[in-house]
N, C-alpha and C. Protein backbone atom coordinates (compact mmCIF):
# COMPACT_ATOMS: atom_id res chain seq x y z
N MET A 1 -15.66 -30.01 13.26
CA MET A 1 -14.73 -29.29 14.16
C MET A 1 -13.66 -28.59 13.31
N PRO A 2 -13.58 -27.26 13.42
CA PRO A 2 -12.58 -26.54 12.62
C PRO A 2 -11.16 -26.87 13.06
N THR A 3 -10.24 -26.84 12.11
CA THR A 3 -8.84 -27.04 12.46
C THR A 3 -8.32 -25.77 13.16
N VAL A 4 -7.14 -25.87 13.74
CA VAL A 4 -6.56 -24.69 14.41
C VAL A 4 -6.25 -23.60 13.39
N ASP A 5 -5.86 -23.99 12.17
CA ASP A 5 -5.61 -22.99 11.13
C ASP A 5 -6.90 -22.27 10.74
N GLN A 6 -7.99 -23.02 10.65
CA GLN A 6 -9.29 -22.40 10.36
C GLN A 6 -9.73 -21.49 11.50
N ALA A 7 -9.45 -21.92 12.73
CA ALA A 7 -9.79 -21.09 13.89
C ALA A 7 -8.99 -19.78 13.88
N LEU A 8 -7.74 -19.88 13.44
CA LEU A 8 -6.91 -18.67 13.33
C LEU A 8 -7.50 -17.71 12.32
N ARG A 9 -7.86 -18.22 11.14
CA ARG A 9 -8.43 -17.34 10.11
C ARG A 9 -9.74 -16.73 10.57
N ALA A 10 -10.55 -17.51 11.28
CA ALA A 10 -11.83 -16.98 11.78
C ALA A 10 -11.59 -15.86 12.79
N ALA A 11 -10.62 -16.04 13.67
CA ALA A 11 -10.29 -15.00 14.65
C ALA A 11 -9.79 -13.74 13.97
N VAL A 12 -9.02 -13.92 12.90
CA VAL A 12 -8.53 -12.77 12.13
C VAL A 12 -9.70 -12.03 11.51
N ARG A 13 -10.60 -12.76 10.89
CA ARG A 13 -11.75 -12.12 10.22
C ARG A 13 -12.66 -11.41 11.22
N ASP A 14 -12.70 -11.90 12.45
CA ASP A 14 -13.50 -11.26 13.50
C ASP A 14 -12.71 -10.20 14.25
N ASP A 15 -11.45 -10.01 13.88
CA ASP A 15 -10.54 -9.04 14.51
C ASP A 15 -10.44 -9.27 16.02
N GLU A 16 -10.29 -10.55 16.38
CA GLU A 16 -10.18 -10.93 17.80
C GLU A 16 -8.73 -11.30 18.11
N ALA A 17 -8.04 -10.37 18.71
CA ALA A 17 -6.63 -10.61 19.03
C ALA A 17 -6.46 -11.79 19.97
N ALA A 18 -7.36 -11.92 20.97
CA ALA A 18 -7.26 -13.03 21.92
C ALA A 18 -7.44 -14.36 21.20
N GLY A 19 -8.37 -14.40 20.24
CA GLY A 19 -8.58 -15.61 19.46
C GLY A 19 -7.39 -15.96 18.60
N VAL A 20 -6.74 -14.93 18.06
CA VAL A 20 -5.52 -15.15 17.27
C VAL A 20 -4.45 -15.78 18.15
N ARG A 21 -4.24 -15.20 19.32
CA ARG A 21 -3.21 -15.73 20.23
C ARG A 21 -3.54 -17.15 20.67
N ALA A 22 -4.82 -17.41 20.93
CA ALA A 22 -5.23 -18.76 21.37
C ALA A 22 -5.00 -19.78 20.27
N ALA A 23 -5.33 -19.43 19.03
CA ALA A 23 -5.14 -20.36 17.92
C ALA A 23 -3.65 -20.65 17.71
N LEU A 24 -2.83 -19.60 17.80
CA LEU A 24 -1.39 -19.80 17.65
C LEU A 24 -0.84 -20.67 18.78
N ALA A 25 -1.33 -20.44 19.99
CA ALA A 25 -0.88 -21.25 21.14
C ALA A 25 -1.28 -22.71 20.98
N ALA A 26 -2.40 -22.92 20.26
CA ALA A 26 -2.89 -24.29 20.04
C ALA A 26 -2.19 -24.96 18.87
N GLY A 27 -1.26 -24.23 18.21
CA GLY A 27 -0.48 -24.86 17.15
C GLY A 27 -0.81 -24.42 15.74
N ALA A 28 -1.64 -23.39 15.58
CA ALA A 28 -1.96 -22.91 14.24
C ALA A 28 -0.71 -22.40 13.55
N ASP A 29 -0.65 -22.60 12.24
CA ASP A 29 0.47 -22.14 11.43
C ASP A 29 0.27 -20.67 11.09
N ILE A 30 1.14 -19.82 11.58
CA ILE A 30 0.99 -18.37 11.39
C ILE A 30 1.03 -17.97 9.92
N GLU A 31 1.63 -18.82 9.07
CA GLU A 31 1.71 -18.52 7.63
C GLU A 31 0.81 -19.43 6.80
N ALA A 32 -0.17 -20.09 7.44
CA ALA A 32 -1.04 -21.02 6.70
C ALA A 32 -1.80 -20.28 5.60
N HIS A 33 -1.73 -20.80 4.37
CA HIS A 33 -2.38 -20.16 3.22
C HIS A 33 -3.82 -20.65 3.07
N ASP A 34 -4.71 -19.76 2.59
CA ASP A 34 -6.02 -20.23 2.15
C ASP A 34 -5.93 -20.62 0.68
N GLU A 35 -7.08 -20.80 0.04
CA GLU A 35 -7.07 -21.29 -1.35
C GLU A 35 -6.46 -20.27 -2.32
N HIS A 36 -6.35 -19.03 -1.90
CA HIS A 36 -5.72 -18.01 -2.76
C HIS A 36 -4.31 -17.63 -2.28
N ARG A 37 -3.76 -18.48 -1.45
CA ARG A 37 -2.42 -18.28 -0.87
C ARG A 37 -2.33 -17.05 0.03
N ARG A 38 -3.47 -16.63 0.56
CA ARG A 38 -3.47 -15.50 1.50
C ARG A 38 -3.15 -16.00 2.90
N THR A 39 -2.18 -15.35 3.53
CA THR A 39 -1.84 -15.68 4.92
C THR A 39 -2.81 -14.97 5.86
N PRO A 40 -2.84 -15.38 7.14
CA PRO A 40 -3.69 -14.67 8.10
C PRO A 40 -3.40 -13.17 8.16
N LEU A 41 -2.12 -12.78 8.06
CA LEU A 41 -1.79 -11.36 8.12
C LEU A 41 -2.33 -10.62 6.90
N LEU A 42 -2.27 -11.24 5.73
CA LEU A 42 -2.82 -10.60 4.54
C LEU A 42 -4.34 -10.46 4.67
N ILE A 43 -4.99 -11.47 5.21
CA ILE A 43 -6.45 -11.39 5.43
C ILE A 43 -6.77 -10.24 6.39
N ALA A 44 -5.94 -10.10 7.43
CA ALA A 44 -6.14 -9.00 8.38
C ALA A 44 -5.98 -7.65 7.69
N ALA A 45 -4.97 -7.53 6.85
CA ALA A 45 -4.73 -6.26 6.15
C ALA A 45 -5.86 -5.94 5.19
N LEU A 46 -6.35 -6.93 4.48
CA LEU A 46 -7.45 -6.71 3.53
C LEU A 46 -8.70 -6.21 4.24
N GLY A 47 -8.95 -6.73 5.44
CA GLY A 47 -10.14 -6.32 6.20
C GLY A 47 -9.90 -5.17 7.15
N ASP A 48 -8.67 -4.66 7.18
CA ASP A 48 -8.26 -3.61 8.12
C ASP A 48 -8.54 -4.02 9.57
N HIS A 49 -8.23 -5.27 9.87
CA HIS A 49 -8.40 -5.81 11.22
C HIS A 49 -7.10 -5.59 11.99
N VAL A 50 -6.98 -4.40 12.57
CA VAL A 50 -5.72 -3.97 13.15
C VAL A 50 -5.36 -4.77 14.41
N ALA A 51 -6.33 -5.05 15.25
CA ALA A 51 -6.04 -5.79 16.49
C ALA A 51 -5.49 -7.18 16.16
N ALA A 52 -6.12 -7.84 15.21
CA ALA A 52 -5.63 -9.17 14.79
C ALA A 52 -4.24 -9.06 14.19
N ALA A 53 -4.02 -8.04 13.36
CA ALA A 53 -2.72 -7.85 12.74
C ALA A 53 -1.64 -7.59 13.78
N GLN A 54 -1.96 -6.81 14.80
CA GLN A 54 -0.99 -6.54 15.86
C GLN A 54 -0.58 -7.82 16.56
N ALA A 55 -1.54 -8.70 16.81
CA ALA A 55 -1.23 -9.98 17.46
C ALA A 55 -0.36 -10.85 16.55
N LEU A 56 -0.67 -10.85 15.27
CA LEU A 56 0.11 -11.64 14.33
C LEU A 56 1.53 -11.11 14.18
N VAL A 57 1.66 -9.78 14.08
CA VAL A 57 2.99 -9.17 13.97
C VAL A 57 3.82 -9.48 15.22
N ALA A 58 3.18 -9.38 16.38
CA ALA A 58 3.89 -9.66 17.64
C ALA A 58 4.39 -11.11 17.67
N ALA A 59 3.67 -12.00 16.97
CA ALA A 59 4.06 -13.42 16.94
C ALA A 59 5.01 -13.74 15.79
N GLY A 60 5.38 -12.72 14.99
CA GLY A 60 6.38 -12.93 13.95
C GLY A 60 5.86 -13.17 12.55
N ALA A 61 4.63 -12.79 12.26
CA ALA A 61 4.06 -13.00 10.92
C ALA A 61 4.85 -12.22 9.87
N ASP A 62 4.91 -12.78 8.66
CA ASP A 62 5.66 -12.20 7.55
C ASP A 62 4.81 -11.19 6.79
N PRO A 63 5.18 -9.89 6.79
CA PRO A 63 4.38 -8.90 6.07
C PRO A 63 4.57 -8.94 4.56
N ASN A 64 5.54 -9.75 4.11
CA ASN A 64 5.89 -9.77 2.68
C ASN A 64 5.34 -10.98 1.93
N ALA A 65 4.72 -11.93 2.62
CA ALA A 65 4.20 -13.13 1.95
C ALA A 65 3.13 -12.73 0.94
N GLN A 66 3.29 -13.19 -0.31
CA GLN A 66 2.39 -12.79 -1.38
C GLN A 66 1.43 -13.91 -1.78
N ASP A 67 0.22 -13.51 -2.16
CA ASP A 67 -0.80 -14.48 -2.55
C ASP A 67 -0.76 -14.74 -4.05
N ASP A 68 -1.81 -15.37 -4.59
CA ASP A 68 -1.78 -15.73 -6.00
C ASP A 68 -2.02 -14.54 -6.92
N ARG A 69 -2.28 -13.36 -6.33
CA ARG A 69 -2.38 -12.11 -7.12
C ARG A 69 -1.17 -11.20 -6.88
N GLU A 70 -0.18 -11.73 -6.17
CA GLU A 70 1.04 -10.99 -5.82
C GLU A 70 0.78 -9.85 -4.84
N ASP A 71 -0.34 -9.91 -4.11
CA ASP A 71 -0.58 -8.98 -3.02
C ASP A 71 0.09 -9.50 -1.76
N SER A 72 0.53 -8.59 -0.90
CA SER A 72 1.03 -8.94 0.43
C SER A 72 0.32 -8.04 1.42
N ALA A 73 0.45 -8.37 2.69
CA ALA A 73 -0.16 -7.52 3.73
C ALA A 73 0.33 -6.09 3.59
N TRP A 74 1.64 -5.93 3.38
CA TRP A 74 2.20 -4.58 3.25
C TRP A 74 1.67 -3.87 2.02
N LEU A 75 1.72 -4.54 0.85
CA LEU A 75 1.28 -3.91 -0.38
C LEU A 75 -0.19 -3.49 -0.32
N VAL A 76 -1.00 -4.29 0.35
CA VAL A 76 -2.44 -4.01 0.42
C VAL A 76 -2.73 -2.71 1.17
N THR A 77 -1.85 -2.31 2.07
CA THR A 77 -2.11 -1.05 2.79
C THR A 77 -2.14 0.13 1.83
N GLY A 78 -1.39 0.06 0.74
CA GLY A 78 -1.43 1.13 -0.25
C GLY A 78 -2.77 1.20 -0.97
N VAL A 79 -3.45 0.07 -1.06
CA VAL A 79 -4.77 0.01 -1.70
C VAL A 79 -5.85 0.47 -0.73
N THR A 80 -5.80 0.00 0.51
CA THR A 80 -6.83 0.36 1.49
C THR A 80 -6.62 1.77 2.04
N GLY A 81 -5.36 2.20 2.10
CA GLY A 81 -5.06 3.52 2.65
C GLY A 81 -5.12 3.59 4.16
N SER A 82 -5.04 2.43 4.82
CA SER A 82 -5.12 2.40 6.28
C SER A 82 -3.78 2.77 6.91
N VAL A 83 -3.75 3.93 7.54
CA VAL A 83 -2.52 4.37 8.20
C VAL A 83 -2.23 3.51 9.43
N ARG A 84 -3.27 3.13 10.16
CA ARG A 84 -3.07 2.29 11.36
C ARG A 84 -2.47 0.94 10.97
N MET A 85 -2.96 0.35 9.89
CA MET A 85 -2.41 -0.94 9.45
C MET A 85 -0.99 -0.76 8.94
N MET A 86 -0.74 0.33 8.22
CA MET A 86 0.61 0.61 7.74
C MET A 86 1.59 0.65 8.90
N ARG A 87 1.21 1.36 9.95
CA ARG A 87 2.10 1.49 11.11
C ARG A 87 2.25 0.17 11.84
N THR A 88 1.20 -0.62 11.91
CA THR A 88 1.27 -1.94 12.53
C THR A 88 2.27 -2.81 11.78
N LEU A 89 2.22 -2.77 10.46
CA LEU A 89 3.10 -3.62 9.65
C LEU A 89 4.52 -3.09 9.59
N LEU A 90 4.71 -1.79 9.75
CA LEU A 90 6.07 -1.25 9.78
C LEU A 90 6.88 -1.89 10.90
N ALA A 91 6.21 -2.23 11.99
CA ALA A 91 6.89 -2.88 13.11
C ALA A 91 7.43 -4.25 12.73
N ALA A 92 6.89 -4.83 11.65
CA ALA A 92 7.34 -6.16 11.19
C ALA A 92 8.48 -6.06 10.18
N GLY A 93 8.93 -4.84 9.87
CA GLY A 93 10.04 -4.67 8.94
C GLY A 93 9.73 -5.09 7.52
N PRO A 94 8.66 -4.57 6.90
CA PRO A 94 8.32 -4.98 5.54
C PRO A 94 9.36 -4.54 4.52
N ASP A 95 9.38 -5.26 3.40
CA ASP A 95 10.25 -4.90 2.28
C ASP A 95 9.57 -3.79 1.50
N LEU A 96 10.10 -2.56 1.60
CA LEU A 96 9.49 -1.42 0.94
C LEU A 96 9.63 -1.47 -0.57
N THR A 97 10.49 -2.36 -1.07
CA THR A 97 10.70 -2.49 -2.52
C THR A 97 9.85 -3.61 -3.12
N LEU A 98 9.08 -4.32 -2.29
CA LEU A 98 8.25 -5.42 -2.79
C LEU A 98 7.26 -4.90 -3.82
N ARG A 99 7.07 -5.66 -4.91
CA ARG A 99 6.25 -5.19 -6.02
C ARG A 99 4.97 -6.01 -6.17
N ASN A 100 3.89 -5.33 -6.55
CA ASN A 100 2.64 -6.01 -6.83
C ASN A 100 2.63 -6.51 -8.28
N ARG A 101 1.50 -7.04 -8.72
CA ARG A 101 1.45 -7.65 -10.06
C ARG A 101 1.65 -6.62 -11.18
N TYR A 102 1.52 -5.34 -10.86
CA TYR A 102 1.77 -4.29 -11.85
C TYR A 102 3.20 -3.76 -11.76
N GLY A 103 4.01 -4.37 -10.90
CA GLY A 103 5.37 -3.91 -10.72
C GLY A 103 5.47 -2.67 -9.85
N GLY A 104 4.40 -2.36 -9.12
CA GLY A 104 4.36 -1.17 -8.28
C GLY A 104 4.63 -1.47 -6.82
N ILE A 105 5.04 -0.44 -6.09
CA ILE A 105 5.21 -0.52 -4.65
C ILE A 105 3.99 0.12 -3.98
N ALA A 106 3.90 0.03 -2.66
CA ALA A 106 2.69 0.45 -1.94
C ALA A 106 2.31 1.91 -2.20
N LEU A 107 3.29 2.76 -2.43
CA LEU A 107 3.02 4.19 -2.64
C LEU A 107 2.17 4.44 -3.88
N ILE A 108 2.33 3.65 -4.92
CA ILE A 108 1.69 3.95 -6.21
C ILE A 108 0.17 3.81 -6.15
N PRO A 109 -0.40 2.69 -5.68
CA PRO A 109 -1.86 2.64 -5.60
C PRO A 109 -2.44 3.66 -4.62
N ALA A 110 -1.69 3.97 -3.58
CA ALA A 110 -2.16 4.98 -2.62
C ALA A 110 -2.28 6.34 -3.29
N ALA A 111 -1.29 6.68 -4.12
CA ALA A 111 -1.34 7.96 -4.84
C ALA A 111 -2.49 7.98 -5.84
N GLU A 112 -2.66 6.87 -6.54
CA GLU A 112 -3.75 6.77 -7.53
C GLU A 112 -5.12 6.94 -6.86
N ARG A 113 -5.29 6.31 -5.70
CA ARG A 113 -6.61 6.28 -5.06
C ARG A 113 -6.91 7.51 -4.20
N GLY A 114 -5.94 8.40 -4.07
CA GLY A 114 -6.19 9.63 -3.34
C GLY A 114 -6.13 9.48 -1.83
N HIS A 115 -5.33 8.53 -1.34
CA HIS A 115 -5.21 8.30 0.11
C HIS A 115 -4.19 9.29 0.70
N VAL A 116 -4.65 10.51 0.94
CA VAL A 116 -3.75 11.59 1.35
C VAL A 116 -3.01 11.28 2.64
N GLU A 117 -3.74 10.89 3.68
CA GLU A 117 -3.10 10.67 4.99
C GLU A 117 -2.12 9.52 4.94
N TYR A 118 -2.44 8.50 4.17
CA TYR A 118 -1.53 7.37 4.02
C TYR A 118 -0.25 7.80 3.31
N VAL A 119 -0.40 8.52 2.20
CA VAL A 119 0.78 8.98 1.46
C VAL A 119 1.64 9.87 2.35
N ARG A 120 1.00 10.77 3.09
CA ARG A 120 1.75 11.66 3.98
C ARG A 120 2.54 10.84 5.01
N ALA A 121 1.88 9.87 5.65
CA ALA A 121 2.53 9.06 6.68
C ALA A 121 3.64 8.20 6.08
N LEU A 122 3.39 7.61 4.92
CA LEU A 122 4.38 6.74 4.29
C LEU A 122 5.63 7.53 3.93
N LEU A 123 5.45 8.71 3.39
CA LEU A 123 6.60 9.53 3.01
C LEU A 123 7.36 10.04 4.23
N ARG A 124 6.64 10.31 5.30
CA ARG A 124 7.27 10.84 6.50
C ARG A 124 7.98 9.75 7.30
N GLU A 125 7.42 8.55 7.33
CA GLU A 125 7.87 7.52 8.26
C GLU A 125 8.73 6.42 7.63
N THR A 126 8.89 6.45 6.30
CA THR A 126 9.73 5.45 5.63
C THR A 126 10.63 6.15 4.62
N ASP A 127 11.55 5.38 4.05
CA ASP A 127 12.39 5.93 2.97
C ASP A 127 12.00 5.28 1.64
N ILE A 128 10.70 5.08 1.45
CA ILE A 128 10.20 4.45 0.22
C ILE A 128 10.62 5.29 -1.00
N ASP A 129 10.85 4.62 -2.10
CA ASP A 129 11.34 5.26 -3.33
C ASP A 129 10.21 6.02 -4.02
N VAL A 130 10.26 7.36 -3.96
CA VAL A 130 9.19 8.16 -4.53
C VAL A 130 9.19 8.13 -6.06
N ASP A 131 10.29 7.73 -6.67
CA ASP A 131 10.39 7.69 -8.13
C ASP A 131 10.36 6.27 -8.70
N HIS A 132 9.88 5.31 -7.91
CA HIS A 132 9.80 3.94 -8.42
C HIS A 132 8.89 3.90 -9.65
N VAL A 133 9.32 3.18 -10.67
CA VAL A 133 8.56 3.06 -11.92
C VAL A 133 7.98 1.66 -12.03
N ASN A 134 6.66 1.57 -12.27
CA ASN A 134 6.03 0.25 -12.39
C ASN A 134 6.08 -0.26 -13.83
N ARG A 135 5.44 -1.40 -14.07
CA ARG A 135 5.51 -2.02 -15.40
C ARG A 135 4.84 -1.19 -16.49
N LEU A 136 3.95 -0.30 -16.08
CA LEU A 136 3.27 0.57 -17.03
C LEU A 136 4.13 1.78 -17.40
N GLY A 137 5.28 1.92 -16.70
CA GLY A 137 6.14 3.07 -16.93
C GLY A 137 5.73 4.28 -16.12
N TRP A 138 4.96 4.05 -15.04
CA TRP A 138 4.43 5.15 -14.24
C TRP A 138 5.04 5.17 -12.84
N THR A 139 5.32 6.37 -12.37
CA THR A 139 5.68 6.62 -10.97
C THR A 139 4.40 6.94 -10.20
N ALA A 140 4.53 7.11 -8.88
CA ALA A 140 3.37 7.52 -8.08
C ALA A 140 2.84 8.87 -8.57
N LEU A 141 3.74 9.77 -8.92
CA LEU A 141 3.34 11.09 -9.40
C LEU A 141 2.55 10.98 -10.70
N LEU A 142 3.06 10.21 -11.63
CA LEU A 142 2.35 10.01 -12.90
C LEU A 142 1.00 9.35 -12.68
N GLU A 143 0.95 8.35 -11.81
CA GLU A 143 -0.29 7.64 -11.57
C GLU A 143 -1.34 8.54 -10.91
N ALA A 144 -0.89 9.42 -10.01
CA ALA A 144 -1.83 10.35 -9.36
C ALA A 144 -2.47 11.28 -10.38
N VAL A 145 -1.72 11.63 -11.42
CA VAL A 145 -2.25 12.53 -12.45
C VAL A 145 -3.06 11.75 -13.50
N ILE A 146 -2.51 10.63 -13.96
CA ILE A 146 -3.15 9.88 -15.05
C ILE A 146 -4.45 9.22 -14.60
N LEU A 147 -4.45 8.65 -13.40
CA LEU A 147 -5.62 7.92 -12.93
C LEU A 147 -6.41 8.66 -11.86
N GLY A 148 -5.89 9.80 -11.39
CA GLY A 148 -6.61 10.60 -10.40
C GLY A 148 -7.69 11.45 -11.05
N ASP A 149 -8.45 12.16 -10.20
CA ASP A 149 -9.54 12.99 -10.72
C ASP A 149 -9.21 14.48 -10.74
N GLY A 150 -7.98 14.82 -10.35
CA GLY A 150 -7.58 16.22 -10.36
C GLY A 150 -8.11 17.04 -9.21
N GLY A 151 -8.86 16.41 -8.31
CA GLY A 151 -9.49 17.13 -7.19
C GLY A 151 -8.52 17.40 -6.05
N PRO A 152 -9.06 17.92 -4.94
CA PRO A 152 -8.21 18.33 -3.81
C PRO A 152 -7.30 17.22 -3.28
N ALA A 153 -7.79 15.98 -3.20
CA ALA A 153 -6.96 14.90 -2.66
C ALA A 153 -5.76 14.64 -3.56
N HIS A 154 -5.99 14.56 -4.84
CA HIS A 154 -4.87 14.31 -5.76
C HIS A 154 -3.95 15.52 -5.87
N GLN A 155 -4.50 16.71 -5.74
CA GLN A 155 -3.64 17.90 -5.71
C GLN A 155 -2.69 17.84 -4.52
N GLU A 156 -3.24 17.45 -3.36
CA GLU A 156 -2.41 17.37 -2.15
C GLU A 156 -1.36 16.28 -2.27
N ILE A 157 -1.73 15.16 -2.88
CA ILE A 157 -0.78 14.07 -3.06
C ILE A 157 0.36 14.48 -3.99
N VAL A 158 0.03 15.18 -5.06
CA VAL A 158 1.08 15.68 -5.97
C VAL A 158 2.03 16.58 -5.19
N GLU A 159 1.48 17.46 -4.37
CA GLU A 159 2.31 18.36 -3.59
C GLU A 159 3.19 17.59 -2.60
N LEU A 160 2.61 16.58 -1.94
CA LEU A 160 3.37 15.76 -1.00
C LEU A 160 4.51 15.04 -1.70
N LEU A 161 4.23 14.47 -2.86
CA LEU A 161 5.25 13.71 -3.60
C LEU A 161 6.39 14.61 -4.05
N VAL A 162 6.04 15.77 -4.58
CA VAL A 162 7.07 16.71 -5.05
C VAL A 162 7.91 17.21 -3.89
N THR A 163 7.24 17.53 -2.78
CA THR A 163 7.96 17.98 -1.58
C THR A 163 8.91 16.91 -1.07
N ALA A 164 8.50 15.63 -1.24
CA ALA A 164 9.33 14.51 -0.78
C ALA A 164 10.45 14.17 -1.76
N GLY A 165 10.52 14.89 -2.87
CA GLY A 165 11.63 14.68 -3.80
C GLY A 165 11.29 13.96 -5.09
N ALA A 166 9.99 13.72 -5.35
CA ALA A 166 9.63 13.09 -6.62
C ALA A 166 10.10 13.97 -7.78
N THR A 167 10.56 13.33 -8.85
CA THR A 167 11.10 14.05 -10.00
C THR A 167 9.98 14.37 -10.98
N PRO A 168 9.58 15.64 -11.08
CA PRO A 168 8.43 15.99 -11.93
C PRO A 168 8.65 15.70 -13.40
N GLY A 169 9.92 15.74 -13.85
CA GLY A 169 10.21 15.57 -15.27
C GLY A 169 10.29 14.13 -15.74
N LEU A 170 10.15 13.15 -14.82
CA LEU A 170 10.19 11.76 -15.27
C LEU A 170 8.98 11.47 -16.14
N ALA A 171 9.21 11.05 -17.37
CA ALA A 171 8.12 10.80 -18.31
C ALA A 171 7.67 9.35 -18.26
N ASP A 172 6.46 9.12 -18.78
CA ASP A 172 5.97 7.74 -18.87
C ASP A 172 6.62 7.04 -20.06
N GLY A 173 6.17 5.82 -20.35
CA GLY A 173 6.77 5.05 -21.43
C GLY A 173 6.62 5.68 -22.80
N ASP A 174 5.67 6.63 -22.94
CA ASP A 174 5.46 7.33 -24.21
C ASP A 174 6.15 8.68 -24.24
N GLY A 175 6.94 8.97 -23.18
CA GLY A 175 7.66 10.23 -23.14
C GLY A 175 6.84 11.41 -22.66
N VAL A 176 5.68 11.14 -22.04
CA VAL A 176 4.79 12.22 -21.58
C VAL A 176 5.01 12.43 -20.08
N THR A 177 5.25 13.66 -19.67
CA THR A 177 5.49 13.97 -18.26
C THR A 177 4.17 14.16 -17.51
N ALA A 178 4.28 14.20 -16.18
CA ALA A 178 3.10 14.44 -15.35
C ALA A 178 2.48 15.80 -15.67
N LEU A 179 3.31 16.81 -15.90
CA LEU A 179 2.81 18.14 -16.24
C LEU A 179 2.01 18.09 -17.54
N GLU A 180 2.54 17.40 -18.53
CA GLU A 180 1.83 17.31 -19.81
C GLU A 180 0.50 16.57 -19.66
N HIS A 181 0.50 15.52 -18.85
CA HIS A 181 -0.76 14.80 -18.60
C HIS A 181 -1.76 15.72 -17.89
N ALA A 182 -1.28 16.48 -16.91
CA ALA A 182 -2.16 17.38 -16.17
C ALA A 182 -2.75 18.44 -17.11
N GLN A 183 -1.94 18.97 -17.99
CA GLN A 183 -2.43 19.98 -18.94
C GLN A 183 -3.46 19.36 -19.89
N ARG A 184 -3.19 18.15 -20.38
CA ARG A 184 -4.12 17.48 -21.30
C ARG A 184 -5.47 17.21 -20.64
N ARG A 185 -5.44 16.93 -19.33
CA ARG A 185 -6.67 16.58 -18.63
C ARG A 185 -7.38 17.79 -18.03
N GLY A 186 -6.77 18.95 -18.19
CA GLY A 186 -7.40 20.16 -17.66
C GLY A 186 -7.28 20.30 -16.16
N PHE A 187 -6.26 19.67 -15.58
CA PHE A 187 -6.03 19.77 -14.14
C PHE A 187 -5.15 20.99 -13.87
N ASP A 188 -5.76 22.16 -13.88
CA ASP A 188 -5.00 23.41 -13.81
C ASP A 188 -4.22 23.55 -12.51
N GLU A 189 -4.83 23.15 -11.38
CA GLU A 189 -4.15 23.30 -10.09
C GLU A 189 -2.90 22.41 -10.04
N ILE A 190 -3.04 21.18 -10.50
CA ILE A 190 -1.90 20.26 -10.50
C ILE A 190 -0.83 20.74 -11.48
N ALA A 191 -1.26 21.21 -12.64
CA ALA A 191 -0.30 21.73 -13.61
C ALA A 191 0.48 22.90 -13.01
N GLY A 192 -0.21 23.76 -12.27
CA GLY A 192 0.46 24.89 -11.63
C GLY A 192 1.49 24.43 -10.61
N LEU A 193 1.13 23.39 -9.83
CA LEU A 193 2.08 22.84 -8.84
C LEU A 193 3.32 22.31 -9.54
N LEU A 194 3.12 21.60 -10.63
CA LEU A 194 4.24 20.98 -11.33
C LEU A 194 5.10 21.99 -12.08
N ARG A 195 4.46 23.03 -12.61
CA ARG A 195 5.25 24.09 -13.28
C ARG A 195 6.15 24.81 -12.28
N ALA A 196 5.67 24.92 -11.05
CA ALA A 196 6.42 25.65 -10.02
C ALA A 196 7.70 24.93 -9.61
N VAL A 197 7.80 23.61 -9.86
CA VAL A 197 8.98 22.86 -9.39
C VAL A 197 9.82 22.32 -10.55
N ARG A 198 9.53 22.70 -11.76
CA ARG A 198 10.31 22.22 -12.91
C ARG A 198 11.75 22.66 -12.82
């Protein structure tokens, strides 16, 4: 017979909001950790189980609780690029300055991975720090250029970041700017965007 905490996690994985509410009503711990210290809300965010996440947020789940990899439900949205999950978790008042194991905030992995709609929504709907620097010495702008492919998605993200006030001249730990990285990698469109705002 599964415990109520196990029933809660199962309902989350199946994205069953009614099951989530029933498990909580039966006494399940809304912040119960699994073996990797993942809470039910983090499990929901990882699987993009929005209905389950909505039920958990409505019941007061913590969007900032971090697992043994320093991921949180909020931070994971930057990796998955789920705008619906991002908006669901915004209702829980997440800490926009919370850092992952690389010292980055949610915007940075989203920029790296080319999640255009997520970056657009995050910049429009929050006051997240567009110039946050992670442990590697990279901002979202630098990461989009250094780890991106230079294609249309990353071009659009660079434009979104610059329009939102990102500082193009901020250099990495070696003193190399996003423009210089773009030129070195042959990203002509991105280099043109960055030259236009210097």
